[in-house]
């Protein structure tokens, strides 16, 4: 049971990470300070639905922080795996 929950959580995290990282942020050609505060909106599909879509708007700095947190979560999950654990774990 714990294993199914962990696999489900990993699938959601990886799907979210791939959706966030698949779309590069749009660059406006302005200075670095104005780019950091520029609002960037991205559309993504909801997990488990073929039709539902969601839209997320954040600044460039917030998108960078979300990518960092997602990578940190994936690294934490991968480091927490038990090596040599039988399938009944």
Protein backbone atom coordinates (compact mmCIF):
# COMPACT_ATOMS: atom_id res chain seq x y z
CA UNK A 1 0.00 0.00 0.00
CA UNK A 2 2.79 2.41 0.92
CA UNK A 3 4.55 1.54 -2.29
CA UNK A 4 1.49 2.42 -4.41
CA UNK A 5 1.14 5.76 -2.65
CA UNK A 6 4.83 6.50 -3.19
CA UNK A 7 4.61 5.55 -6.87
CA UNK A 8 1.52 7.73 -7.31
CA UNK A 9 3.23 10.67 -5.63
CA UNK A 10 6.33 10.21 -7.78
CA UNK A 11 4.21 10.11 -10.93
CA UNK A 12 2.48 13.37 -10.01
CA UNK A 13 5.77 15.09 -9.14
CA UNK A 14 7.46 13.94 -12.34
CA UNK A 15 4.48 14.90 -14.50
CA UNK A 16 4.42 18.35 -12.93
CA UNK A 17 8.17 18.75 -13.31
CA UNK A 18 8.14 17.74 -16.95
CA UNK A 19 5.24 20.10 -17.70
CA UNK A 20 6.99 23.01 -16.00
CA UNK A 21 10.39 22.34 -17.56
CA UNK A 22 9.07 21.53 -21.05
CA UNK A 23 8.05 25.12 -21.72
CA UNK A 24 10.93 27.62 -21.65
CA UNK A 25 10.10 31.01 -20.20
CA UNK A 26 9.41 33.74 -22.74
CA UNK A 27 12.10 36.42 -22.93
CA UNK A 28 11.00 39.97 -23.58
CA UNK A 29 14.39 41.39 -24.54
CA UNK A 30 14.33 43.95 -21.69
CA UNK A 31 16.74 44.24 -18.81
CA UNK A 32 17.30 41.46 -16.27
CA UNK A 33 15.34 43.29 -13.58
CA UNK A 34 12.23 43.75 -15.72
CA UNK A 35 12.37 40.11 -16.86
CA UNK A 36 12.39 38.92 -13.25
CA UNK A 37 9.09 40.71 -12.54
CA UNK A 38 7.43 39.91 -15.85
CA UNK A 39 4.36 37.69 -15.51
CA UNK A 40 4.66 34.40 -17.46
CA UNK A 41 1.57 32.25 -17.95
CA UNK A 42 1.69 28.58 -18.93
CA UNK A 43 -1.11 26.18 -19.75
CA UNK A 44 -0.91 22.56 -18.71
CA UNK A 45 -3.11 19.50 -18.67
CA UNK A 46 -4.50 18.18 -15.42
CA UNK A 47 -3.30 14.71 -14.47
CA UNK A 48 -6.00 12.09 -15.03
CA UNK A 49 -8.03 14.05 -17.55
CA UNK A 50 -7.77 14.38 -21.29
CA UNK A 51 -9.86 17.53 -21.47
CA UNK A 52 -9.19 19.59 -18.35
CA UNK A 53 -6.52 22.25 -18.64
CA UNK A 54 -5.11 24.58 -16.07
CA UNK A 55 -3.28 27.87 -16.41
CA UNK A 56 -0.57 29.06 -14.03
CA UNK A 57 0.87 32.57 -13.99
CA UNK A 58 4.04 33.43 -12.06
CA UNK A 59 7.02 35.73 -12.40
CA UNK A 60 10.28 34.44 -13.85
CA UNK A 61 11.78 34.23 -10.35
CA UNK A 62 8.78 32.21 -9.10
CA UNK A 63 9.05 29.78 -12.03
CA UNK A 64 12.75 29.32 -11.25
CA UNK A 65 11.93 28.66 -7.57
CA UNK A 66 9.22 26.14 -8.56
CA UNK A 67 11.72 24.30 -10.78
CA UNK A 68 14.25 24.25 -7.92
CA UNK A 69 11.68 22.92 -5.44
CA UNK A 70 10.49 20.25 -7.89
CA UNK A 71 14.05 19.09 -8.51
CA UNK A 72 14.70 19.04 -4.75
CA UNK A 73 11.55 16.94 -4.18
CA UNK A 74 12.49 14.45 -6.91
CA UNK A 75 16.03 14.16 -5.54
CA UNK A 76 14.63 13.61 -2.03
CA UNK A 77 12.27 10.86 -3.23
CA UNK A 78 15.02 9.14 -5.19
CA UNK A 79 17.41 9.30 -2.23
CA UNK A 80 14.74 7.86 0.10
CA UNK A 81 14.24 4.70 -1.97
CA UNK A 82 15.26 1.54 -0.17
CA UNK A 83 17.92 -0.30 -2.16
CA UNK A 84 17.43 -4.04 -2.31
CA UNK A 85 13.90 -3.89 -0.96
CA UNK A 86 11.81 -6.94 -2.01
CA UNK A 87 8.60 -6.29 -4.01
CA UNK A 88 6.49 -6.79 -0.88
CA UNK A 89 7.77 -3.47 0.64
